[in-house]
Amino acid sequence: MIRFPELVQSINMDNTRLFLFAALAFVGMLLWQQWQADYGPQPVAHSDSQVESTALGADSGQQAIVDDLPDLAEVVSKDSAQGGDNAAAGTTPGVETQQLVSVDTDVIQVLIDTRGGVIRSLKLKKYPTSLEQPDDWLELVHSDSDSLHILQSGLRNKQSTAPTHHSLYRVDQTEYRLDTGQEELIVPFYWSQDGIEVVKSYHFRPGDYLVDVKHRVSNQSHQDWQGSQYRQIQRSPPLETSRLLYTYTGSVYYNEETKYEKVKFDDMEDSQLKLESTGGWIAMIQHYFLSAWVPQQEETNLVYTIANTRRNPPTYTIGLRSGNRVAAAGGSAEFNSQLFVGPKIVNRLEEISPGLDLTVDYGVLTFLSKPLYWLLSWYHGFVGNWGVAIILLTLTVKTLFYKLSETSYRSMAKMRKVSPRLKTLKERYGDDRQKMNQAMMELYKTEKINPMGGCLPILVQIPVFIALYWALLESVDLRQAPFIFWIKDLSVMDPFYVLPLVMGISMFIQQRLNPPPPDPIQAKIMMALPFVFTIFFAFFPSGLVLYWVINNVLSITQQWIITKRIEAGANK
C-alpha cells in the first residue's frame, strides 16, 4: 500500500522527469529552427520595382473577383431587385491604367492602389525592422509575390453601379504629404457610372494610426440607387513563425454579444463564417501589431470569412458587410468606417473601440496580465527605462507574495534540516516501504513538517507569474527598448548570453538551498535542469530572462535568510 509521503515523492519524481523531457524537446526545436535559419531555403528578395509590379497586378483576374467578394445584401424593396449579380463593378470611362498613390504622414507611409482604392503597403515610421537599420521601416501591410496583407473596401449592389475593390478609380494626384501643423489630410478617389458618382476618401491625422474611410454616393440618375458597404482584410499565412515563443497570428472579431473570438486560417478552410453583428470590429493580429476595421457602433453588419487555397500563396479574408442603403434619385448616401493599422498600444486601442485592447492577447489570464501591464507602464513613467520597470514590477510581485513564499521556504528549510535523518531511515528500512513510510510520517509529525507545505504556496503564485510572462511577451513597448550596456533591445535574446548564464547560475544556487531529493536518479535530473534551462532561456527575449533572473535572485535572498534562521534555531 502506497502511503502519503511515498505518493508525494512519486509525484515530484514524475513531474520532474516530464518537465525535463519537455525542456529537451524545446531545445531540439530550437536547434532545428536555427539550422533552418542557417541552411534552409531563404525567402526570395524583391526589388522595389518587382514589389510595385506585383501590387499593381494582384487581384486583377476574373477568378479573383469571384473569390474574394462578399455576398450581396438583401434588397430593401422588390423594385430594387432588378438586374443580375455581376461581380465586376464598372470602371470610370476613359481610365485605362492603374497607379499607386503615395501618402506620407509623420508616423506612416502608405501606398493606395487606384484599382479599388486598396491599401497595398503601409510602413510604420516609428518601428524599424531592426536597430541596425533605423530607416528600414516595418511594412505591416504589404503585397509581395510570396506574402500578402492588404486592406480592401468597396460597395456592392445588384445593378453593378457600385465600385468594388476591383474597380478602377480616378485621382487628382499621386502624391500626398501631411505637412507640419496640418490637422487632417484627405486623399480622394473618384468613380462614376450610369449617373452614379462615388467619392472614396481616406482621412489621415498627425501622430495617429487611425484612419477614417468614407464612401459618398451621389445619385444623378433617374432611379433610386441601393447598395451596401463592405470592408475586409486579406492576408496569407506568415512566412516565419517562432516555435518557441508562440503568439497568435490570424483573424479575430468582437461584438458585445459574442465578445472576443479568434478565427484561425484552418477554421476558414473548414467553414465560412457568416454572423450578424452590431458594432464591434474585425482584425488581423500578429505579435505586437494589428490591422482592424471599426464600423460605426450602431451599425449592423455581416461578419464573414473567405478562404482561397487555390491561390499561391493562399489567402484568408475576414470582412464586414453592411445592409443596403438607398440614395434616392438626385440624392446621396454616405458610408463611414475607421481603419486602424499600427502597434498594439493598449491605451490607444481602449480609446478607439470597446474590446479592441483585447488584441493584446494575454490569453485566459487577461484579468491578471492587464493590471500587471498597467503597473509596468506606471513604473516606466517614473524611471523611463523598461528594464528598470521590469525589475520594479518583479520586486512588487515578490513583495505581495512574501508571506506565501515565506511559508514555502520555511517548509523546504525544515525538510532540508531533516534530510540526513530521512537518508538514515532509508538505509535502515531498505526496501520495506511500509515501515519506511510509517517512520517518515512519525518524523514529520515530531518535527511539525507538512510535506506539501512547500508546494501549495508556490501553486498559488504560478498563475500570477504566468500572467506576468504574457504581459511582458505581448508588450510592444519592449520592442527595441534598451536596458543597459549590451542589451539594446529587450524583445530579442541577449546577444552575449549573459542573462541566461546568470539565470542558470541562480537556478543552481536555488537547488542547493532546497532539500536534496532522496532518490539518486531524481537528484541527477535536478542537477541537469539548470544547464538545460540555461540553453532554453538563451533564445528567450532578454526582457523575459531579466524578469526570471530578478525573480530568482529575490527568491534566493529570501530563502537563504529563512534557511539560516531555522538552522540557527536548530543549533541552539
Protein backbone atom coordinates (compact mmCIF):
# COMPACT_ATOMS: atom_id res chain seq x y z
CA MET A 1 0.00 0.00 0.00
CA ILE A 2 1.40 3.40 -1.02
CA ARG A 3 1.49 5.90 1.83
CA PHE A 4 1.21 9.69 1.58
CA PRO A 5 4.95 10.53 1.81
CA GLU A 6 5.78 7.98 -0.87
CA LEU A 7 2.99 9.39 -3.06
CA VAL A 8 4.38 12.91 -2.68
CA GLN A 9 7.85 11.75 -3.68
CA SER A 10 6.45 9.79 -6.64
CA ILE A 11 4.51 12.79 -7.92
CA ASN A 12 7.55 15.02 -7.60
CA MET A 13 9.69 12.49 -9.47
CA ASP A 14 7.18 12.14 -12.36
CA ASN A 15 6.72 15.89 -12.69
CA THR A 16 10.47 16.46 -12.74
CA ARG A 17 11.00 13.89 -15.50
CA LEU A 18 8.13 15.26 -17.56
CA PHE A 19 9.47 18.79 -17.12
CA LEU A 20 12.93 17.67 -18.24
CA PHE A 21 11.61 15.86 -21.32
CA ALA A 22 9.58 18.94 -22.30
CA ALA A 23 12.66 21.15 -21.90
CA LEU A 24 14.78 18.80 -24.04
CA ALA A 25 12.05 18.80 -26.72
CA PHE A 26 12.09 22.60 -26.77
CA VAL A 27 15.86 22.66 -27.09
CA GLY A 28 15.59 20.23 -30.02
CA MET A 29 13.10 22.52 -31.73
CA LEU A 30 15.40 25.50 -31.16
CA LEU A 31 18.30 23.68 -32.77
CA TRP A 32 16.12 22.72 -35.74
CA GLN A 33 14.87 26.30 -36.08
CA GLN A 34 18.41 27.65 -36.03
CA TRP A 35 19.51 25.04 -38.61
CA GLN A 36 16.63 26.11 -40.84
CA ALA A 37 17.65 29.75 -40.46
CA ASP A 38 21.26 28.98 -41.38
CA TYR A 39 20.87 26.29 -44.03
CA GLY A 40 17.21 26.11 -45.01
CA PRO A 41 15.61 27.81 -48.06
CA GLN A 42 15.71 31.59 -47.82
CA PRO A 43 12.92 33.96 -48.91
CA VAL A 44 13.39 35.48 -52.34
CA ALA A 45 14.39 39.13 -52.16
CA HIS A 46 12.27 41.53 -54.21
CA SER A 47 13.36 44.83 -55.66
CA ASP A 48 11.09 47.86 -55.33
CA SER A 49 10.11 47.58 -58.99
CA GLN A 50 9.13 43.94 -58.52
CA VAL A 51 7.02 44.77 -55.49
CA GLU A 52 5.27 47.59 -57.33
CA SER A 53 4.61 45.35 -60.30
CA THR A 54 3.17 42.67 -58.02
CA ALA A 55 0.97 45.20 -56.24
CA LEU A 56 -0.43 46.61 -59.45
CA GLY A 57 -1.07 43.22 -60.96
CA ALA A 58 -2.62 41.46 -57.96
CA ASP A 59 -6.34 40.63 -57.86
CA SER A 60 -6.85 41.71 -61.47
CA GLY A 61 -8.14 38.37 -62.78
CA GLN A 62 -11.79 37.38 -63.09
CA GLN A 63 -11.28 34.39 -60.79
CA ALA A 64 -10.05 36.67 -58.01
CA ILE A 65 -13.13 38.86 -58.46
CA VAL A 66 -15.40 35.88 -57.96
CA ASP A 67 -13.47 34.52 -54.98
CA ASP A 68 -12.98 37.49 -52.68
CA LEU A 69 -16.21 39.50 -52.81
CA PRO A 70 -18.84 39.12 -50.08
CA ASP A 71 -22.41 38.10 -50.81
CA LEU A 72 -24.87 40.81 -51.76
CA ALA A 73 -27.02 42.31 -49.03
CA GLU A 74 -30.77 41.78 -49.10
CA VAL A 75 -32.64 44.40 -51.11
CA VAL A 76 -34.83 46.92 -49.36
CA SER A 77 -37.74 46.60 -51.80
CA LYS A 78 -38.77 44.39 -54.70
CA ASP A 79 -38.49 47.27 -57.16
CA SER A 80 -34.76 47.49 -56.45
CA ALA A 81 -34.05 43.81 -57.03
CA GLN A 82 -33.77 44.01 -60.79
CA GLY A 83 -30.58 43.21 -62.64
CA GLY A 84 -28.02 40.44 -62.46
CA ASP A 85 -25.37 39.73 -59.86
CA ASN A 86 -22.37 40.88 -61.86
CA ALA A 87 -19.39 40.59 -59.54
CA ALA A 88 -17.19 43.00 -61.51
CA ALA A 89 -18.37 46.57 -60.97
CA GLY A 90 -17.94 49.06 -63.78
CA THR A 91 -14.98 51.36 -64.20
CA THR A 92 -14.65 55.03 -64.87
CA PRO A 93 -14.86 55.67 -68.64
CA GLY A 94 -11.60 56.74 -70.25
CA VAL A 95 -9.37 55.45 -67.43
CA GLU A 96 -7.15 52.62 -68.68
CA THR A 97 -4.21 52.34 -66.28
CA GLN A 98 -3.96 51.81 -62.56
CA GLN A 99 -1.49 53.66 -60.35
CA LEU A 100 -0.18 53.70 -56.82
CA VAL A 101 -0.94 56.79 -54.76
CA SER A 102 1.60 57.54 -52.02
CA VAL A 103 0.60 59.13 -48.72
CA ASP A 104 3.15 60.32 -46.20
CA THR A 105 2.41 61.36 -42.60
CA ASP A 106 4.66 61.70 -39.57
CA VAL A 107 4.00 58.09 -38.47
CA ILE A 108 3.05 56.09 -41.59
CA GLN A 109 3.88 55.79 -45.27
CA VAL A 110 1.08 54.38 -47.40
CA LEU A 111 0.60 53.14 -50.97
CA ILE A 112 -3.01 53.04 -52.19
CA ASP A 113 -3.92 51.34 -55.47
CA THR A 114 -6.28 53.21 -57.80
CA ARG A 115 -7.77 49.81 -58.57
CA GLY A 116 -10.30 49.54 -55.78
CA GLY A 117 -8.64 52.11 -53.54
CA VAL A 118 -6.92 49.13 -51.89
CA ILE A 119 -4.17 49.84 -49.35
CA ARG A 120 -1.31 47.67 -50.62
CA SER A 121 1.52 48.95 -48.47
CA LEU A 122 1.71 50.63 -45.09
CA LYS A 123 5.00 51.22 -43.29
CA LEU A 124 5.33 52.25 -39.64
CA LYS A 125 7.94 55.01 -39.38
CA LYS A 126 8.45 54.65 -35.64
CA TYR A 127 9.03 50.90 -35.84
CA PRO A 128 12.11 49.97 -37.89
CA THR A 129 12.69 46.33 -38.74
CA SER A 130 15.90 46.40 -36.68
CA LEU A 131 18.02 48.81 -34.65
CA GLU A 132 20.83 48.42 -37.19
CA GLN A 133 18.55 49.75 -39.97
CA PRO A 134 16.56 52.64 -38.47
CA ASP A 135 15.34 53.84 -41.88
CA ASP A 136 14.04 50.41 -42.92
CA TRP A 137 10.52 50.76 -41.53
CA LEU A 138 8.33 47.77 -40.73
CA GLU A 139 5.93 47.15 -43.63
CA LEU A 140 2.88 45.83 -41.83
CA VAL A 141 0.63 45.96 -44.91
CA HIS A 142 2.37 44.53 -47.97
CA SER A 143 1.75 42.96 -51.36
CA ASP A 144 4.61 40.68 -52.39
CA SER A 145 4.59 37.63 -54.61
CA ASP A 146 5.08 35.25 -51.67
CA SER A 147 3.33 37.18 -48.88
CA LEU A 148 0.18 39.30 -48.80
CA HIS A 149 -1.54 41.51 -46.25
CA ILE A 150 -3.85 44.12 -47.81
CA LEU A 151 -6.85 46.22 -46.79
CA GLN A 152 -9.86 46.28 -49.08
CA SER A 153 -13.20 48.07 -49.07
CA GLY A 154 -15.94 48.87 -51.54
CA LEU A 155 -19.64 48.99 -52.35
CA ARG A 156 -21.92 46.31 -53.82
CA ASN A 157 -25.34 46.24 -55.43
CA LYS A 158 -27.37 44.18 -57.89
CA GLN A 159 -27.02 46.60 -60.79
CA SER A 160 -23.19 46.76 -60.57
CA THR A 161 -23.43 50.54 -60.22
CA ALA A 162 -21.12 50.38 -57.21
CA PRO A 163 -17.31 50.29 -57.13
CA THR A 164 -15.81 47.17 -55.56
CA HIS A 165 -12.14 46.78 -54.69
CA HIS A 166 -11.61 45.63 -58.29
CA SER A 167 -13.00 48.81 -59.87
CA LEU A 168 -10.71 51.50 -61.26
CA TYR A 169 -10.77 54.93 -59.63
CA ARG A 170 -9.59 58.29 -60.89
CA VAL A 171 -7.31 60.52 -58.77
CA ASP A 172 -6.27 64.16 -58.90
CA GLN A 173 -2.67 63.44 -57.90
CA THR A 174 -0.46 60.50 -56.95
CA GLU A 175 1.48 62.02 -54.04
CA TYR A 176 0.16 63.40 -50.77
CA ARG A 177 2.01 64.61 -47.68
CA LEU A 178 0.67 65.67 -44.28
CA ASP A 179 2.56 68.88 -43.53
CA THR A 180 3.61 70.07 -40.08
CA GLY A 181 0.71 71.85 -38.39
CA GLN A 182 -1.86 70.35 -40.76
CA GLU A 183 -4.72 68.79 -38.80
CA GLU A 184 -6.07 66.47 -41.50
CA LEU A 185 -5.06 65.11 -44.89
CA ILE A 186 -7.85 63.94 -47.21
CA VAL A 187 -7.00 61.63 -50.11
CA PRO A 188 -9.98 61.24 -52.52
CA PHE A 189 -10.64 58.61 -55.20
CA TYR A 190 -13.36 59.15 -57.84
CA TRP A 191 -15.59 56.66 -59.67
CA SER A 192 -18.67 57.14 -61.87
CA GLN A 193 -21.01 55.05 -63.98
CA ASP A 194 -24.58 55.43 -65.29
CA GLY A 195 -25.16 58.63 -63.37
CA ILE A 196 -23.78 57.24 -60.10
CA GLU A 197 -20.76 59.09 -58.72
CA VAL A 198 -18.77 57.75 -55.78
CA VAL A 199 -16.01 59.51 -53.85
CA LYS A 200 -13.96 57.20 -51.67
CA SER A 201 -11.77 59.21 -49.30
CA TYR A 202 -9.12 58.42 -46.71
CA HIS A 203 -8.70 60.90 -43.83
CA PHE A 204 -5.27 60.91 -42.13
CA ARG A 205 -4.32 62.81 -38.97
CA PRO A 206 -0.90 63.60 -37.46
CA GLY A 207 0.56 61.14 -34.96
CA ASP A 208 -2.31 58.70 -35.44
CA TYR A 209 -2.63 55.18 -36.86
CA LEU A 210 -6.42 55.53 -37.06
CA VAL A 211 -7.77 56.49 -40.50
CA ASP A 212 -11.33 57.47 -41.42
CA VAL A 213 -12.60 55.85 -44.63
CA LYS A 214 -15.71 57.26 -46.32
CA HIS A 215 -17.75 56.35 -49.40
CA ARG A 216 -20.08 59.15 -50.58
CA VAL A 217 -22.60 58.15 -53.25
CA SER A 218 -24.20 60.90 -55.38
CA ASN A 219 -27.14 59.66 -57.44
CA GLN A 220 -27.53 61.73 -60.63
CA SER A 221 -29.62 59.06 -62.34
CA HIS A 222 -33.43 58.93 -62.65
CA GLN A 223 -33.97 55.97 -60.33
CA ASP A 224 -33.11 55.14 -56.75
CA TRP A 225 -29.70 53.62 -56.03
CA GLN A 226 -29.37 50.88 -53.46
CA GLY A 227 -26.18 49.28 -52.20
CA SER A 228 -24.11 48.09 -49.24
CA GLN A 229 -20.61 48.70 -47.96
CA TYR A 230 -18.02 46.05 -47.21
CA ARG A 231 -14.60 46.24 -45.56
CA GLN A 232 -12.19 43.34 -45.40
CA ILE A 233 -8.62 42.34 -44.54
CA GLN A 234 -6.91 39.79 -46.74
CA ARG A 235 -3.64 38.13 -45.92
CA SER A 236 -1.58 34.99 -46.44
CA PRO A 237 -0.12 32.89 -43.59
CA PRO A 238 3.15 34.24 -42.12
CA LEU A 239 6.30 33.02 -43.81
CA GLU A 240 8.04 32.51 -40.46
CA THR A 241 6.73 31.68 -37.01
CA SER A 242 8.55 31.17 -33.73
CA ARG A 243 8.29 27.60 -32.45
CA LEU A 244 9.47 28.65 -29.02
CA LEU A 245 7.52 31.81 -28.19
CA TYR A 246 4.11 31.22 -29.76
CA THR A 247 1.91 34.24 -30.39
CA TYR A 248 -1.32 34.05 -32.37
CA THR A 249 -1.35 35.27 -35.97
CA GLY A 250 -4.75 35.30 -37.62
CA SER A 251 -8.18 36.90 -37.68
CA VAL A 252 -10.34 37.96 -34.76
CA TYR A 253 -13.66 39.71 -34.32
CA TYR A 254 -15.55 41.30 -31.45
CA ASN A 255 -19.06 42.40 -30.56
CA GLU A 256 -20.95 42.81 -27.31
CA GLU A 257 -22.79 39.50 -27.72
CA THR A 258 -20.04 37.03 -28.65
CA LYS A 259 -17.18 39.13 -27.26
CA TYR A 260 -13.65 38.31 -28.47
CA GLU A 261 -13.40 35.40 -30.91
CA LYS A 262 -10.48 34.04 -32.94
CA VAL A 263 -10.98 32.59 -36.42
CA LYS A 264 -7.89 30.63 -37.39
CA PHE A 265 -6.90 30.16 -41.03
CA ASP A 266 -7.64 26.44 -40.74
CA ASP A 267 -11.12 27.26 -39.44
CA MET A 268 -11.76 29.43 -42.51
CA GLU A 269 -10.91 26.48 -44.73
CA ASP A 270 -13.29 24.19 -42.83
CA SER A 271 -16.31 26.50 -42.98
CA GLN A 272 -17.21 30.04 -43.99
CA LEU A 273 -18.19 32.29 -41.09
CA LYS A 274 -21.40 34.29 -41.50
CA LEU A 275 -22.50 36.13 -38.38
CA GLU A 276 -24.75 39.13 -37.87
CA SER A 277 -23.04 41.64 -35.60
CA THR A 278 -23.90 45.06 -34.20
CA GLY A 279 -20.96 47.39 -33.62
CA GLY A 280 -17.72 45.65 -32.69
CA TRP A 281 -14.83 45.28 -35.13
CA ILE A 282 -12.75 42.79 -37.16
CA ALA A 283 -8.96 42.47 -37.25
CA MET A 284 -5.91 40.54 -38.34
CA ILE A 285 -3.43 40.37 -35.48
CA GLN A 286 0.17 39.31 -35.07
CA HIS A 287 2.87 39.79 -32.45
CA TYR A 288 2.93 43.48 -31.42
CA PHE A 289 0.80 44.78 -34.36
CA LEU A 290 -2.66 44.62 -35.90
CA SER A 291 -4.88 45.90 -38.69
CA ALA A 292 -8.56 46.42 -37.88
CA TRP A 293 -11.77 47.71 -39.45
CA VAL A 294 -14.04 49.50 -36.96
CA PRO A 295 -17.60 50.22 -38.16
CA GLN A 296 -19.99 52.74 -36.65
CA GLN A 297 -21.06 51.14 -33.39
CA GLU A 298 -24.79 51.45 -34.04
CA GLU A 299 -24.44 49.74 -37.42
CA THR A 300 -25.40 46.10 -38.01
CA ASN A 301 -23.03 44.15 -40.25
CA LEU A 302 -22.44 40.63 -41.51
CA VAL A 303 -19.10 39.28 -40.30
CA TYR A 304 -17.80 36.85 -42.93
CA THR A 305 -14.68 34.92 -43.87
CA ILE A 306 -13.34 33.71 -47.21
CA ALA A 307 -10.54 31.16 -47.68
CA ASN A 308 -8.89 30.82 -51.09
CA THR A 309 -6.38 27.98 -51.09
CA ARG A 310 -6.18 27.88 -54.89
CA ARG A 311 -4.02 30.96 -54.92
CA ASN A 312 -0.28 30.95 -54.37
CA PRO A 313 0.16 31.96 -51.65
CA PRO A 314 -3.27 31.03 -50.25
CA THR A 315 -5.25 33.99 -48.90
CA TYR A 316 -7.61 34.30 -45.96
CA THR A 317 -10.11 37.12 -45.63
CA ILE A 318 -12.24 38.44 -42.79
CA GLY A 319 -14.74 41.17 -43.55
CA LEU A 320 -17.75 43.25 -42.56
CA ARG A 321 -20.67 43.91 -44.89
CA SER A 322 -23.40 46.40 -44.05
CA GLY A 323 -27.05 46.24 -45.01
CA ASN A 324 -28.32 48.14 -48.04
CA ARG A 325 -28.84 51.88 -48.03
CA VAL A 326 -30.82 53.90 -50.53
CA ALA A 327 -29.78 57.08 -52.34
CA ALA A 328 -32.89 58.49 -53.96
CA ALA A 329 -32.69 59.93 -57.47
CA GLY A 330 -30.96 63.29 -57.14
CA GLY A 331 -29.93 62.45 -53.58
CA SER A 332 -26.91 60.95 -51.84
CA ALA A 333 -25.81 58.39 -49.24
CA GLU A 334 -22.66 58.05 -47.15
CA PHE A 335 -20.89 55.05 -45.64
CA ASN A 336 -18.34 55.67 -42.87
CA SER A 337 -15.80 53.41 -41.17
CA GLN A 338 -12.48 53.61 -39.39
CA LEU A 339 -9.30 51.71 -40.08
CA PHE A 340 -6.52 51.13 -37.57
CA VAL A 341 -3.14 49.81 -38.70
CA GLY A 342 -0.36 50.00 -36.15
CA PRO A 343 1.12 48.85 -32.84
CA LYS A 344 -0.84 47.26 -30.01
CA ILE A 345 -0.67 50.21 -27.64
CA VAL A 346 -3.26 49.33 -25.00
CA ASN A 347 -4.29 52.86 -24.00
CA ARG A 348 -4.89 53.93 -27.61
CA LEU A 349 -6.82 50.78 -28.50
CA GLU A 350 -9.11 51.28 -25.49
CA GLU A 351 -9.97 54.75 -26.78
CA ILE A 352 -10.91 53.60 -30.29
CA SER A 353 -13.49 50.90 -29.66
CA PRO A 354 -14.69 48.60 -26.85
CA GLY A 355 -12.73 45.37 -26.75
CA LEU A 356 -10.07 46.43 -29.23
CA ASP A 357 -7.46 46.28 -26.47
CA LEU A 358 -8.12 42.51 -26.28
CA THR A 359 -5.99 42.15 -29.42
CA VAL A 360 -3.12 42.43 -26.95
CA ASP A 361 -3.63 38.73 -26.43
CA TYR A 362 -2.83 37.73 -22.84
CA GLY A 363 -4.93 34.56 -23.11
CA VAL A 364 -7.09 33.25 -20.28
CA LEU A 365 -5.14 35.25 -17.68
CA THR A 366 -6.04 38.64 -19.17
CA PHE A 367 -7.67 39.69 -15.89
CA LEU A 368 -4.23 39.36 -14.23
CA SER A 369 -1.99 40.43 -17.12
CA LYS A 370 -3.75 43.76 -17.75
CA PRO A 371 -3.20 45.20 -14.24
CA LEU A 372 0.40 43.91 -14.31
CA TYR A 373 0.99 45.71 -17.63
CA TRP A 374 -0.64 48.85 -16.21
CA LEU A 375 1.74 48.73 -13.23
CA LEU A 376 4.69 48.14 -15.56
CA SER A 377 3.74 51.21 -17.62
CA TRP A 378 3.27 53.23 -14.44
CA TYR A 379 6.79 52.38 -13.27
CA HIS A 380 8.16 53.22 -16.73
CA GLY A 381 6.53 56.64 -16.47
CA PHE A 382 8.74 57.30 -13.44
CA VAL A 383 12.06 55.70 -14.39
CA GLY A 384 11.95 56.00 -18.20
CA ASN A 385 13.60 52.59 -18.70
CA TRP A 386 11.59 49.43 -19.43
CA GLY A 387 14.29 47.17 -17.99
CA VAL A 388 14.26 49.02 -14.67
CA ALA A 389 10.44 48.96 -14.79
CA ILE A 390 10.57 45.14 -15.12
CA ILE A 391 12.85 44.96 -12.06
CA LEU A 392 10.48 47.16 -10.02
CA LEU A 393 7.45 45.16 -11.14
CA THR A 394 9.09 41.85 -10.23
CA LEU A 395 10.06 43.29 -6.83
CA THR A 396 6.45 44.40 -6.30
CA VAL A 397 5.04 40.97 -7.13
CA LYS A 398 7.57 39.26 -4.84
CA THR A 399 6.63 41.66 -2.04
CA LEU A 400 2.92 40.89 -2.46
CA PHE A 401 3.62 37.17 -2.19
CA TYR A 402 6.24 37.49 0.54
CA LYS A 403 4.21 35.66 3.20
CA LEU A 404 3.26 32.81 0.88
CA SER A 405 6.87 32.45 -0.21
CA GLU A 406 8.00 32.54 3.38
CA THR A 407 5.69 29.64 4.24
CA SER A 408 7.04 27.64 1.33
CA TYR A 409 10.69 28.37 2.13
CA ARG A 410 10.21 27.54 5.82
CA SER A 411 8.77 24.18 4.85
CA MET A 412 11.68 23.49 2.49
CA ALA A 413 14.20 24.62 5.10
CA LYS A 414 12.72 22.18 7.65
CA MET A 415 12.82 19.41 5.06
CA ARG A 416 16.46 20.28 4.41
CA LYS A 417 17.19 20.07 8.13
CA VAL A 418 15.77 16.53 8.46
CA SER A 419 17.12 15.23 5.12
CA PRO A 420 20.10 13.43 6.81
CA ARG A 421 17.63 11.64 9.11
CA LEU A 422 15.47 10.68 6.11
CA LYS A 423 18.54 9.19 4.46
CA THR A 424 19.24 7.19 7.63
CA LEU A 425 15.68 5.88 7.65
CA LYS A 426 16.02 4.75 4.05
CA GLU A 427 19.24 2.90 4.84
CA ARG A 428 17.65 1.31 7.94
CA TYR A 429 14.46 0.01 6.32
CA GLY A 430 15.82 -0.69 2.84
CA ASP A 431 13.04 -1.96 0.57
CA ASP A 432 10.41 -2.19 3.32
CA ARG A 433 8.38 0.76 2.06
CA GLN A 434 5.57 0.37 4.58
CA LYS A 435 7.85 0.74 7.60
CA MET A 436 9.80 3.46 5.79
CA ASN A 437 6.60 5.48 5.23
CA GLN A 438 5.45 5.00 8.81
CA ALA A 439 8.80 6.22 10.11
CA MET A 440 8.73 9.23 7.78
CA MET A 441 5.25 10.19 8.96
CA GLU A 442 6.36 9.97 12.59
CA LEU A 443 9.38 12.14 11.82
CA TYR A 444 7.23 14.75 10.06
CA LYS A 445 4.79 14.74 12.98
CA THR A 446 7.55 15.14 15.54
CA GLU A 447 9.24 17.99 13.64
CA LYS A 448 5.88 19.60 12.70
CA ILE A 449 6.59 19.40 8.98
CA ASN A 450 3.92 19.44 6.28
CA PRO A 451 5.40 17.65 3.21
CA MET A 452 3.09 19.65 0.92
CA GLY A 453 3.82 22.92 2.70
CA GLY A 454 6.49 23.86 0.17
CA CYS A 455 4.24 23.14 -2.85
CA LEU A 456 0.89 24.77 -2.13
CA PRO A 457 2.11 28.38 -1.72
CA ILE A 458 4.06 28.05 -4.98
CA LEU A 459 0.98 26.71 -6.81
CA VAL A 460 -0.99 29.80 -5.75
CA GLN A 461 1.67 32.07 -7.26
CA ILE A 462 2.01 30.24 -10.60
CA PRO A 463 -0.96 31.98 -12.36
CA VAL A 464 0.41 35.40 -11.43
CA PHE A 465 3.88 34.63 -12.77
CA ILE A 466 2.43 33.19 -15.99
CA ALA A 467 0.29 36.34 -16.37
CA LEU A 468 3.40 38.46 -15.87
CA TYR A 469 5.19 36.39 -18.53
CA TRP A 470 2.41 37.14 -21.06
CA ALA A 471 2.28 40.80 -20.07
CA LEU A 472 5.98 41.10 -20.94
CA LEU A 473 5.74 38.95 -24.08
CA GLU A 474 2.81 40.91 -25.56
CA SER A 475 4.04 44.41 -24.71
CA VAL A 476 5.06 46.26 -27.88
CA ASP A 477 6.75 48.81 -25.61
CA LEU A 478 9.60 46.34 -25.06
CA ARG A 479 10.24 46.06 -28.82
CA GLN A 480 13.67 47.62 -29.45
CA ALA A 481 13.63 49.13 -25.94
CA PRO A 482 17.15 49.40 -24.45
CA PHE A 483 18.08 48.37 -20.92
CA ILE A 484 21.78 48.80 -20.05
CA PHE A 485 25.16 48.34 -21.71
CA TRP A 486 24.98 45.48 -24.23
CA ILE A 487 21.20 44.98 -24.07
CA LYS A 488 19.84 47.32 -26.73
CA ASP A 489 16.54 45.51 -27.33
CA LEU A 490 14.53 43.81 -24.57
CA SER A 491 12.37 41.96 -27.12
CA VAL A 492 15.22 39.86 -28.58
CA MET A 493 17.62 37.40 -26.98
CA ASP A 494 20.71 38.55 -25.12
CA PRO A 495 23.44 38.77 -27.82
CA PHE A 496 26.17 37.69 -25.38
CA TYR A 497 24.03 35.23 -23.35
CA VAL A 498 24.94 36.95 -20.07
CA LEU A 499 21.41 36.97 -18.63
CA PRO A 500 20.73 33.29 -19.48
CA LEU A 501 24.03 32.32 -17.79
CA VAL A 502 23.13 34.35 -14.69
CA MET A 503 19.68 32.74 -14.71
CA GLY A 504 21.24 29.25 -14.87
CA ILE A 505 23.63 30.04 -12.01
CA SER A 506 20.79 31.43 -9.91
CA MET A 507 18.73 28.32 -10.58
CA PHE A 508 21.65 26.14 -9.47
CA ILE A 509 22.01 28.15 -6.23
CA GLN A 510 18.28 27.76 -5.57
CA GLN A 511 18.61 23.99 -5.88
CA ARG A 512 21.48 23.95 -3.38
CA LEU A 513 19.21 25.71 -0.88
CA ASN A 514 16.44 23.13 -1.34
CA PRO A 515 16.46 19.75 0.41
CA PRO A 516 18.23 17.17 -1.78
CA PRO A 517 15.95 14.54 -3.34
CA PRO A 518 16.24 11.17 -1.57
CA ASP A 519 16.31 9.31 -4.88
CA PRO A 520 19.74 9.45 -6.63
CA ILE A 521 18.19 9.43 -10.13
CA GLN A 522 15.96 12.36 -9.24
CA ALA A 523 18.97 14.17 -7.77
CA LYS A 524 20.86 13.79 -11.06
CA ILE A 525 17.88 15.08 -13.04
CA MET A 526 17.58 18.12 -10.78
CA MET A 527 21.30 18.83 -11.20
CA ALA A 528 20.87 18.80 -15.01
CA LEU A 529 17.94 21.23 -15.06
CA PRO A 530 19.96 24.46 -14.61
CA PHE A 531 22.10 23.52 -17.62
CA VAL A 532 19.05 22.60 -19.73
CA PHE A 533 17.22 25.79 -18.85
CA THR A 534 20.27 27.93 -19.50
CA ILE A 535 20.17 26.69 -23.10
CA PHE A 536 16.40 27.06 -23.16
CA PHE A 537 16.43 30.67 -21.94
CA ALA A 538 19.30 31.63 -24.25
CA PHE A 539 16.69 32.02 -27.01
CA PHE A 540 14.17 33.92 -24.89
CA PRO A 541 13.70 37.72 -25.25
CA SER A 542 16.06 39.40 -22.81
CA GLY A 543 13.16 41.22 -21.10
CA LEU A 544 11.65 37.89 -20.08
CA VAL A 545 15.02 36.50 -18.96
CA LEU A 546 15.60 39.65 -16.92
CA TYR A 547 12.31 39.04 -15.13
CA TRP A 548 13.32 35.44 -14.29
CA VAL A 549 16.79 36.48 -13.14
CA ILE A 550 15.43 39.14 -10.77
CA ASN A 551 12.75 36.76 -9.51
CA ASN A 552 15.38 34.07 -8.84
CA VAL A 553 17.73 36.49 -7.08
CA LEU A 554 14.94 37.74 -4.81
CA SER A 555 13.83 34.15 -4.11
CA ILE A 556 17.41 33.11 -3.26
CA THR A 557 17.80 36.04 -0.88
CA GLN A 558 14.55 35.30 0.92
CA GLN A 559 15.16 31.54 1.04
CA TRP A 560 18.75 31.93 2.28
CA ILE A 561 17.68 34.22 5.14
CA ILE A 562 14.88 31.85 6.22
CA THR A 563 17.11 28.77 5.96
CA LYS A 564 19.83 30.38 8.09
CA ARG A 565 17.30 31.38 10.73
CA ILE A 566 15.93 27.84 11.02
CA GLU A 567 19.41 26.29 11.06
CA ALA A 568 20.49 28.78 13.72
CA GLY A 569 17.41 27.92 15.80
CA ALA A 570 18.15 24.21 15.47
CA ASN A 571 21.71 24.70 16.80
CA LYS A 572 20.61 26.45 19.98
